[in-house]
C-alpha atoms as a PDB file:
ATOM      1  CA  MET A   1      97.965  90.815 163.891  1.00  0.00           C
ATOM      2  CA  PRO A   2      98.630  94.593 163.846  1.00  0.00           C
ATOM      3  CA  PHE A   3     102.248  95.287 162.956  1.00  0.00           C
ATOM      4  CA  VAL A   4     104.655  98.222 162.791  1.00  0.00           C
ATOM      5  CA  ASP A   5     107.867  98.988 160.914  1.00  0.00           C
ATOM      6  CA  LEU A   6     110.400 100.988 162.922  1.00  0.00           C
ATOM      7  CA  HIS A   7     113.392 100.828 160.570  1.00  0.00           C
ATOM      8  CA  THR A   8     113.015 102.397 157.112  1.00  0.00           C
ATOM      9  CA  HIS A   9     114.923 104.843 154.918  1.00  0.00           C
ATOM     10  CA  SER A  10     114.035 107.732 152.643  1.00  0.00           C
ATOM     11  CA  HIS A  11     115.940 109.655 149.988  1.00  0.00           C
ATOM     12  CA  TYR A  12     117.330 111.870 152.743  1.00  0.00           C
ATOM     13  CA  SER A  13     119.946 109.149 153.205  1.00  0.00           C
ATOM     14  CA  ASP A  14     120.209 106.105 150.956  1.00  0.00           C
ATOM     15  CA  GLY A  15     116.604 105.256 150.154  1.00  0.00           C
ATOM     16  CA  ALA A  16     114.759 105.727 146.877  1.00  0.00           C
ATOM     17  CA  ASP A  17     111.581 107.399 148.146  1.00  0.00           C
ATOM     18  CA  ALA A  18     110.512 110.714 149.597  1.00  0.00           C
ATOM     19  CA  PRO A  19     109.287 110.443 153.207  1.00  0.00           C
ATOM     20  CA  ALA A  20     105.663 110.813 152.056  1.00  0.00           C
ATOM     21  CA  ASP A  21     106.155 107.877 149.699  1.00  0.00           C
ATOM     22  CA  VAL A  22     107.616 105.775 152.519  1.00  0.00           C
ATOM     23  CA  VAL A  23     104.482 106.569 154.520  1.00  0.00           C
ATOM     24  CA  ALA A  24     102.261 105.628 151.564  1.00  0.00           C
ATOM     25  CA  ARG A  25     104.150 102.356 151.146  1.00  0.00           C
ATOM     26  CA  ALA A  26     103.652 101.593 154.854  1.00  0.00           C
ATOM     27  CA  VAL A  27      99.923 102.259 154.605  1.00  0.00           C
ATOM     28  CA  ARG A  28      99.609  99.996 151.554  1.00  0.00           C
ATOM     29  CA  ALA A  29     101.498  97.250 153.391  1.00  0.00           C
ATOM     30  CA  GLY A  30      99.068  97.496 156.319  1.00  0.00           C
ATOM     31  CA  ALA A  31     101.471  98.852 158.948  1.00  0.00           C
ATOM     32  CA  THR A  32      99.880 100.698 161.870  1.00  0.00           C
ATOM     33  CA  ALA A  33     102.992 102.691 162.869  1.00  0.00           C
ATOM     34  CA  LEU A  34     106.208 103.755 161.167  1.00  0.00           C
ATOM     35  CA  ALA A  35     109.624 105.219 161.895  1.00  0.00           C
ATOM     36  CA  ILE A  36     111.899 106.667 159.224  1.00  0.00           C
ATOM     37  CA  THR A  37     115.452 106.079 160.444  1.00  0.00           C
ATOM     38  CA  ASP A  38     117.769 107.657 157.895  1.00  0.00           C
ATOM     39  CA  HIS A  39     121.526 107.319 158.246  1.00  0.00           C
ATOM     40  CA  ASP A  40     123.067 110.181 160.218  1.00  0.00           C
ATOM     41  CA  THR A  41     120.338 112.682 159.341  1.00  0.00           C
ATOM     42  CA  VAL A  42     116.909 113.742 160.564  1.00  0.00           C
ATOM     43  CA  GLY A  43     116.228 115.749 157.400  1.00  0.00           C
ATOM     44  CA  GLY A  44     113.178 113.718 156.422  1.00  0.00           C
ATOM     45  CA  VAL A  45     111.632 113.217 159.859  1.00  0.00           C
ATOM     46  CA  ALA A  46     109.298 116.235 159.785  1.00  0.00           C
ATOM     47  CA  GLU A  47     108.066 115.433 156.255  1.00  0.00           C
ATOM     48  CA  GLY A  48     107.351 111.876 157.323  1.00  0.00           C
ATOM     49  CA  ARG A  49     105.519 113.052 160.437  1.00  0.00           C
ATOM     50  CA  GLN A  50     103.280 115.361 158.417  1.00  0.00           C
ATOM     51  CA  ALA A  51     102.457 112.653 155.865  1.00  0.00           C
ATOM     52  CA  ALA A  52     101.789 110.103 158.595  1.00  0.00           C
ATOM     53  CA  ALA A  53      99.416 112.458 160.396  1.00  0.00           C
ATOM     54  CA  ALA A  54      97.495 113.038 157.166  1.00  0.00           C
ATOM     55  CA  ALA A  55      97.303 109.266 156.562  1.00  0.00           C
ATOM     56  CA  GLY A  56      96.267 108.422 160.141  1.00  0.00           C
ATOM     57  CA  LEU A  57      99.448 106.406 160.677  1.00  0.00           C
ATOM     58  CA  ASP A  58     101.199 106.398 164.053  1.00  0.00           C
ATOM     59  CA  TYR A  59     104.746 107.686 163.771  1.00  0.00           C
ATOM     60  CA  LEU A  60     108.040 107.812 165.676  1.00  0.00           C
ATOM     61  CA  SER A  61     110.842 110.197 164.808  1.00  0.00           C
ATOM     62  CA  GLY A  62     114.021 108.259 164.185  1.00  0.00           C
ATOM     63  CA  VAL A  63     117.637 108.170 163.073  1.00  0.00           C
ATOM     64  CA  GLU A  64     120.303 105.528 162.448  1.00  0.00           C
ATOM     65  CA  VAL A  65     123.711 106.659 163.699  1.00  0.00           C
ATOM     66  CA  SER A  66     126.863 105.068 162.290  1.00  0.00           C
ATOM     67  CA  SER A  67     129.346 104.316 165.071  1.00  0.00           C
ATOM     68  CA  THR A  68     132.202 102.075 166.099  1.00  0.00           C
ATOM     69  CA  PHE A  69     132.696  99.617 168.947  1.00  0.00           C
ATOM     70  CA  GLU A  70     135.934  97.721 169.496  1.00  0.00           C
ATOM     71  CA  ARG A  71     137.065  98.712 165.986  1.00  0.00           C
ATOM     72  CA  GLN A  72     133.921  97.314 164.373  1.00  0.00           C
ATOM     73  CA  GLU A  73     131.193  99.345 162.690  1.00  0.00           C
ATOM     74  CA  LEU A  74     127.957  99.402 164.626  1.00  0.00           C
ATOM     75  CA  HIS A  75     124.665 101.145 163.883  1.00  0.00           C
ATOM     76  CA  VAL A  76     122.559 102.668 166.641  1.00  0.00           C
ATOM     77  CA  VAL A  77     118.894 103.328 165.931  1.00  0.00           C
ATOM     78  CA  GLY A  78     117.305 106.175 167.866  1.00  0.00           C
ATOM     79  CA  LEU A  79     113.519 106.255 168.260  1.00  0.00           C
ATOM     80  CA  GLY A  80     111.371 109.022 169.713  1.00  0.00           C
ATOM     81  CA  ILE A  81     114.097 111.640 169.375  1.00  0.00           C
ATOM     82  CA  ASP A  82     113.469 115.371 169.327  1.00  0.00           C
ATOM     83  CA  ASP A  83     114.531 115.948 165.737  1.00  0.00           C
ATOM     84  CA  ALA A  84     114.706 119.707 166.407  1.00  0.00           C
ATOM     85  CA  SER A  85     117.376 119.271 169.099  1.00  0.00           C
ATOM     86  CA  PRO A  86     120.168 121.763 168.227  1.00  0.00           C
ATOM     87  CA  THR A  87     122.831 119.541 169.773  1.00  0.00           C
ATOM     88  CA  LEU A  88     121.704 116.471 167.844  1.00  0.00           C
ATOM     89  CA  ARG A  89     121.434 118.395 164.594  1.00  0.00           C
ATOM     90  CA  GLN A  90     124.889 119.927 164.990  1.00  0.00           C
ATOM     91  CA  ARG A  91     126.503 116.541 165.602  1.00  0.00           C
ATOM     92  CA  LEU A  92     124.619 114.944 162.707  1.00  0.00           C
ATOM     93  CA  ASP A  93     125.654 117.813 160.434  1.00  0.00           C
ATOM     94  CA  GLU A  94     129.280 117.054 161.299  1.00  0.00           C
ATOM     95  CA  LEU A  95     128.754 113.381 160.459  1.00  0.00           C
ATOM     96  CA  ALA A  96     127.009 114.341 157.229  1.00  0.00           C
ATOM     97  CA  GLY A  97     130.007 116.424 156.243  1.00  0.00           C
ATOM     98  CA  ASP A  98     132.251 113.407 156.789  1.00  0.00           C
ATOM     99  CA  ARG A  99     129.916 111.246 154.662  1.00  0.00           C
ATOM    100  CA  ARG A 100     129.953 113.767 151.807  1.00  0.00           C
ATOM    101  CA  GLU A 101     133.745 113.918 151.880  1.00  0.00           C
ATOM    102  CA  ARG A 102     133.902 110.117 151.748  1.00  0.00           C
ATOM    103  CA  PHE A 103     131.414 110.114 148.876  1.00  0.00           C
ATOM    104  CA  GLU A 104     133.631 112.435 146.826  1.00  0.00           C
ATOM    105  CA  ARG A 105     136.758 110.399 147.575  1.00  0.00           C
ATOM    106  CA  ILE A 106     135.048 107.202 146.344  1.00  0.00           C
ATOM    107  CA  LEU A 107     133.999 108.955 143.136  1.00  0.00           C
ATOM    108  CA  ALA A 108     137.568 110.143 142.629  1.00  0.00           C
ATOM    109  CA  ARG A 109     138.887 106.611 143.045  1.00  0.00           C
ATOM    110  CA  LEU A 110     136.382 105.268 140.536  1.00  0.00           C
ATOM    111  CA  GLU A 111     137.492 107.969 138.103  1.00  0.00           C
ATOM    112  CA  GLU A 112     141.109 106.858 138.556  1.00  0.00           C
ATOM    113  CA  LEU A 113     140.017 103.278 137.840  1.00  0.00           C
ATOM    114  CA  GLY A 114     138.443 104.366 134.572  1.00  0.00           C
ATOM    115  CA  VAL A 115     134.906 103.890 135.918  1.00  0.00           C
ATOM    116  CA  PRO A 116     133.407 107.393 136.013  1.00  0.00           C
ATOM    117  CA  VAL A 117     129.786 107.667 137.151  1.00  0.00           C
ATOM    118  CA  ASP A 118     127.228 110.471 137.138  1.00  0.00           C
ATOM    119  CA  VAL A 119     125.573 110.259 140.547  1.00  0.00           C
ATOM    120  CA  ASP A 120     123.307 113.223 139.813  1.00  0.00           C
ATOM    121  CA  ALA A 121     121.590 111.543 136.864  1.00  0.00           C
ATOM    122  CA  GLY A 122     117.968 110.979 137.812  1.00  0.00           C
ATOM    123  CA  GLY A 123     118.501 112.327 141.309  1.00  0.00           C
ATOM    124  CA  VAL A 124     120.650 109.355 142.275  1.00  0.00           C
ATOM    125  CA  SER A 125     122.554 111.299 144.901  1.00  0.00           C
ATOM    126  CA  GLY A 126     119.407 111.773 146.987  1.00  0.00           C
ATOM    127  CA  GLU A 127     117.969 114.753 148.825  1.00  0.00           C
ATOM    128  CA  GLY A 128     120.100 114.542 151.943  1.00  0.00           C
ATOM    129  CA  VAL A 129     123.300 112.679 152.739  1.00  0.00           C
ATOM    130  CA  PRO A 130     124.663 110.704 149.768  1.00  0.00           C
ATOM    131  CA  GLY A 131     126.268 107.328 150.369  1.00  0.00           C
ATOM    132  CA  ARG A 132     127.733 104.235 148.764  1.00  0.00           C
ATOM    133  CA  LEU A 133     124.326 102.898 147.803  1.00  0.00           C
ATOM    134  CA  HIS A 134     123.811 105.875 145.494  1.00  0.00           C
ATOM    135  CA  ILE A 135     127.155 105.135 143.850  1.00  0.00           C
ATOM    136  CA  ALA A 136     126.298 101.445 143.509  1.00  0.00           C
ATOM    137  CA  ARG A 137     123.049 102.402 141.809  1.00  0.00           C
ATOM    138  CA  ALA A 138     124.897 104.786 139.484  1.00  0.00           C
ATOM    139  CA  LEU A 139     127.332 101.986 138.580  1.00  0.00           C
ATOM    140  CA  ARG A 140     124.354  99.813 137.695  1.00  0.00           C
ATOM    141  CA  ASP A 141     122.622 102.534 135.695  1.00  0.00           C
ATOM    142  CA  ALA A 142     125.825 103.242 133.772  1.00  0.00           C
ATOM    143  CA  GLY A 143     126.083  99.586 132.778  1.00  0.00           C
ATOM    144  CA  TYR A 144     129.204  98.748 134.762  1.00  0.00           C
ATOM    145  CA  THR A 145     127.240  96.247 136.864  1.00  0.00           C
ATOM    146  CA  ARG A 146     123.963  94.386 136.569  1.00  0.00           C
ATOM    147  CA  THR A 147     122.775  95.036 140.135  1.00  0.00           C
ATOM    148  CA  THR A 148     123.525  97.461 142.943  1.00  0.00           C
ATOM    149  CA  GLN A 149     125.064  94.631 144.978  1.00  0.00           C
ATOM    150  CA  GLU A 150     127.602  93.990 142.215  1.00  0.00           C
ATOM    151  CA  GLY A 151     128.787  97.565 142.695  1.00  0.00           C
ATOM    152  CA  PHE A 152     129.711  96.756 146.292  1.00  0.00           C
ATOM    153  CA  ASP A 153     131.204  93.387 145.389  1.00  0.00           C
ATOM    154  CA  GLY A 154     133.327  94.697 142.555  1.00  0.00           C
ATOM    155  CA  TYR A 155     134.178  98.297 143.400  1.00  0.00           C
ATOM    156  CA  ILE A 156     133.135  99.935 146.660  1.00  0.00           C
ATOM    157  CA  GLY A 157     132.763  97.211 149.287  1.00  0.00           C
ATOM    158  CA  ILE A 158     135.345  96.649 152.014  1.00  0.00           C
ATOM    159  CA  GLY A 159     138.614  95.594 150.441  1.00  0.00           C
ATOM    160  CA  ARG A 160     137.549  96.581 146.919  1.00  0.00           C
ATOM    161  CA  PRO A 161     139.595  99.084 144.862  1.00  0.00           C
ATOM    162  CA  ALA A 162     137.403 102.169 145.380  1.00  0.00           C
ATOM    163  CA  TYR A 163     136.544 101.563 149.039  1.00  0.00           C
ATOM    164  CA  VAL A 164     137.067 104.437 151.484  1.00  0.00           C
ATOM    165  CA  PRO A 165     136.461 103.829 155.228  1.00  0.00           C
ATOM    166  CA  LYS A 166     134.004 105.932 157.226  1.00  0.00           C
ATOM    167  CA  ARG A 167     134.840 108.281 160.052  1.00  0.00           C
ATOM    168  CA  LEU A 168     132.682 107.068 162.928  1.00  0.00           C
ATOM    169  CA  VAL A 169     131.689 108.233 166.388  1.00  0.00           C
ATOM    170  CA  SER A 170     132.011 105.791 169.260  1.00  0.00           C
ATOM    171  CA  ALA A 171     129.015 103.666 170.191  1.00  0.00           C
ATOM    172  CA  GLU A 172     128.995 105.405 173.587  1.00  0.00           C
ATOM    173  CA  GLU A 173     128.680 108.789 171.874  1.00  0.00           C
ATOM    174  CA  ALA A 174     125.958 107.542 169.522  1.00  0.00           C
ATOM    175  CA  VAL A 175     123.871 106.272 172.448  1.00  0.00           C
ATOM    176  CA  ALA A 176     124.383 109.564 174.285  1.00  0.00           C
ATOM    177  CA  MET A 177     123.393 111.588 171.203  1.00  0.00           C
ATOM    178  CA  VAL A 178     120.087 109.722 170.981  1.00  0.00           C
ATOM    179  CA  GLN A 179     119.276 109.816 174.675  1.00  0.00           C
ATOM    180  CA  GLU A 180     120.235 113.471 175.137  1.00  0.00           C
ATOM    181  CA  ALA A 181     117.741 114.242 172.357  1.00  0.00           C
ATOM    182  CA  GLY A 182     115.003 112.528 174.377  1.00  0.00           C
ATOM    183  CA  GLY A 183     115.063 109.284 172.414  1.00  0.00           C
ATOM    184  CA  LEU A 184     115.666 105.596 173.046  1.00  0.00           C
ATOM    185  CA  ALA A 185     118.780 103.867 171.716  1.00  0.00           C
ATOM    186  CA  PHE A 186     118.628 100.423 170.095  1.00  0.00           C
ATOM    187  CA  VAL A 187     121.345  98.105 168.803  1.00  0.00           C
ATOM    188  CA  ALA A 188     120.551  97.927 165.085  1.00  0.00           C
ATOM    189  CA  HIS A 189     120.151  94.503 163.405  1.00  0.00           C
ATOM    190  CA  PRO A 190     122.402  92.543 165.826  1.00  0.00           C
ATOM    191  CA  GLY A 191     121.812  89.349 163.866  1.00  0.00           C
ATOM    192  CA  LEU A 192     123.283  90.787 160.656  1.00  0.00           C
ATOM    193  CA  GLY A 193     126.615  88.977 160.310  1.00  0.00           C
ATOM    194  CA  ASN A 194     128.723  87.433 163.034  1.00  0.00           C
ATOM    195  CA  THR A 195     130.588  90.484 164.311  1.00  0.00           C
ATOM    196  CA  VAL A 196     127.840  92.269 166.245  1.00  0.00           C
ATOM    197  CA  ARG A 197     126.498  88.938 167.556  1.00  0.00           C
ATOM    198  CA  ARG A 198     129.936  88.206 168.982  1.00  0.00           C
ATOM    199  CA  LEU A 199     130.227  91.657 170.524  1.00  0.00           C
ATOM    200  CA  LEU A 200     126.657  91.825 171.829  1.00  0.00           C
ATOM    201  CA  PRO A 201     127.316  90.756 175.464  1.00  0.00           C
ATOM    202  CA  ARG A 202     129.952  93.507 175.876  1.00  0.00           C
ATOM    203  CA  LEU A 203     127.963  95.961 173.792  1.00  0.00           C
ATOM    204  CA  LEU A 204     124.979  95.663 176.105  1.00  0.00           C
ATOM    205  CA  GLU A 205     127.112  96.899 178.976  1.00  0.00           C
ATOM    206  CA  LEU A 206     126.465 100.319 177.416  1.00  0.00           C
ATOM    207  CA  PRO A 207     123.190 102.005 178.429  1.00  0.00           C
ATOM    208  CA  PHE A 208     121.133 100.817 175.451  1.00  0.00           C
ATOM    209  CA  ASP A 209     117.363 100.916 175.853  1.00  0.00           C
ATOM    210  CA  GLY A 210     116.702  98.001 173.528  1.00  0.00           C
ATOM    211  CA  ILE A 211     117.676  95.846 170.577  1.00  0.00           C
ATOM    212  CA  GLU A 212     116.263  95.267 167.124  1.00  0.00           C
ATOM    213  CA  ALA A 213     115.085  91.678 167.350  1.00  0.00           C
ATOM    214  CA  TYR A 214     113.213  91.965 164.053  1.00  0.00           C
ATOM    215  CA  HIS A 215     115.060  92.605 160.791  1.00  0.00           C
ATOM    216  CA  VAL A 216     114.914  91.382 157.220  1.00  0.00           C
ATOM    217  CA  SER A 217     118.297  89.675 157.705  1.00  0.00           C
ATOM    218  CA  HIS A 218     117.207  87.761 160.836  1.00  0.00           C
ATOM    219  CA  SER A 219     115.982  84.201 160.647  1.00  0.00           C
ATOM    220  CA  ASP A 220     113.013  83.215 162.802  1.00  0.00           C
ATOM    221  CA  ALA A 221     115.418  81.389 165.112  1.00  0.00           C
ATOM    222  CA  ARG A 222     117.650  84.462 165.429  1.00  0.00           C
ATOM    223  CA  THR A 223     114.642  86.653 166.174  1.00  0.00           C
ATOM    224  CA  ASP A 224     113.504  84.245 168.889  1.00  0.00           C
ATOM    225  CA  THR A 225     116.994  84.267 170.441  1.00  0.00           C
ATOM    226  CA  LEU A 226     117.086  88.060 170.480  1.00  0.00           C
ATOM    227  CA  LEU A 227     113.576  88.279 171.929  1.00  0.00           C
ATOM    228  CA  ALA A 228     114.645  85.962 174.734  1.00  0.00           C
ATOM    229  CA  LEU A 229     117.756  88.082 175.342  1.00  0.00           C
ATOM    230  CA  ALA A 230     115.690  91.258 175.484  1.00  0.00           C
ATOM    231  CA  LYS A 231     113.304  89.701 177.995  1.00  0.00           C
ATOM    232  CA  GLU A 232     116.187  88.431 180.126  1.00  0.00           C
ATOM    233  CA  ARG A 233     117.842  91.853 180.254  1.00  0.00           C
ATOM    234  CA  GLY A 234     114.680  93.963 180.475  1.00  0.00           C
ATOM    235  CA  LEU A 235     115.306  95.622 177.109  1.00  0.00           C
ATOM    236  CA  LEU A 236     112.789  97.077 174.697  1.00  0.00           C
ATOM    237  CA  VAL A 237     112.350  95.462 171.289  1.00  0.00           C
ATOM    238  CA  ALA A 238     112.215  97.210 167.911  1.00  0.00           C
ATOM    239  CA  GLY A 239     113.151  96.535 164.300  1.00  0.00           C
ATOM    240  CA  GLY A 240     111.666  96.476 160.858  1.00  0.00           C
ATOM    241  CA  SER A 241     112.228  95.886 157.196  1.00  0.00           C
ATOM    242  CA  ASP A 242     115.189  98.269 156.714  1.00  0.00           C
ATOM    243  CA  CYS A 243     113.359  99.174 153.507  1.00  0.00           C
ATOM    244  CA  HIS A 244     115.213 101.445 151.077  1.00  0.00           C
ATOM    245  CA  GLY A 245     112.611 101.201 148.342  1.00  0.00           C
ATOM    246  CA  SER A 246     113.560 100.251 144.792  1.00  0.00           C
ATOM    247  CA  ILE A 247     117.146 101.479 145.160  1.00  0.00           C
ATOM    248  CA  LYS A 248     118.097  98.098 146.618  1.00  0.00           C
ATOM    249  CA  ASP A 249     116.506  96.200 143.730  1.00  0.00           C
ATOM    250  CA  ARG A 250     113.453  95.209 145.757  1.00  0.00           C
ATOM    251  CA  PRO A 251     111.065  96.967 148.166  1.00  0.00           C
ATOM    252  CA  LEU A 252     110.839  95.237 151.525  1.00  0.00           C
ATOM    253  CA  LEU A 253     108.304  97.193 153.587  1.00  0.00           C
ATOM    254  CA  GLY A 254     105.723  94.726 154.854  1.00  0.00           C
ATOM    255  CA  SER A 255     108.100  91.763 154.752  1.00  0.00           C
ATOM    256  CA  VAL A 256     109.041  92.204 158.433  1.00  0.00           C
ATOM    257  CA  ARG A 257     106.110  92.582 160.793  1.00  0.00           C
ATOM    258  CA  VAL A 258     107.030  93.817 164.251  1.00  0.00           C
ATOM    259  CA  PRO A 259     104.094  93.138 166.597  1.00  0.00           C
ATOM    260  CA  ARG A 260     102.461  96.413 167.630  1.00  0.00           C
ATOM    261  CA  GLU A 261     102.852  95.562 171.318  1.00  0.00           C
ATOM    262  CA  HIS A 262     106.540  96.523 171.035  1.00  0.00           C
ATOM    263  CA  TYR A 263     105.620  99.931 169.646  1.00  0.00           C
ATOM    264  CA  GLU A 264     103.219 100.447 172.539  1.00  0.00           C
ATOM    265  CA  ARG A 265     105.968  99.645 175.077  1.00  0.00           C
ATOM    266  CA  ILE A 266     108.283 102.107 173.380  1.00  0.00           C
ATOM    267  CA  ARG A 267     105.614 104.812 173.495  1.00  0.00           C
ATOM    268  CA  GLU A 268     105.001 104.047 177.144  1.00  0.00           C
ATOM    269  CA  ARG A 269     108.715 104.390 177.949  1.00  0.00           C
ATOM    270  CA  LEU A 270     108.930 107.644 176.002  1.00  0.00           C
ATOM    271  CA  GLY A 271     105.877 108.957 177.849  1.00  0.00           C
ATOM    272  CA  SER A 272     107.424 108.204 181.205  1.00  0.00           C
END
């Protein structure tokens, strides 16, 4: 069955690969359409579009906006956005500045703990907006941890000694940012953990266009539940592997296969 992957990351946020390499990975996996949805940046969208066109791969411009709803962190995936929108770019630049400031504060805390890391070694800090995943990888590469996940568990995860909270826009603002840029707003991975699942009924009172029913963290049963919810509420369906490449210890593109029919419905809505 033809499948698509509408949730991936490049080195413009916290992925390991250049956008062209994400496209190449998608082609090798057999995907027929792709979206690169980097965190709070559209820096890699144009590169991905060019590579996809050369490879004959259908492509949606995307972004994953970090936001908050009822004091809980929530991610909003935007698909089909105009990545050249001045308003969107200005707001994302502001968010990127906040992320860079947080990044530096985490590094300073690690230094105080006697755990200095060189995030620039081997290009660990990425091409765009650096984040905690880059620091977790640097901790691993420096020998402080065995895996990137251990970096979160021991140092930079919530409640750990070097953790610094994010500054976040509201979920309402994130949805508006996406839609004002001509895109469609989706609740990202609502089956990841209990918090968003609990908030989902109230969350969907906001003008979301759809939900990500498919995600690497979703069981088959959870996906089926979310598909039923989307049908009941007349919402579009998206999702994907959330692949970050080798930076997360394992590549995932191809492990989550979103049926192409959902991509076609998204394109139809964007066209209308």
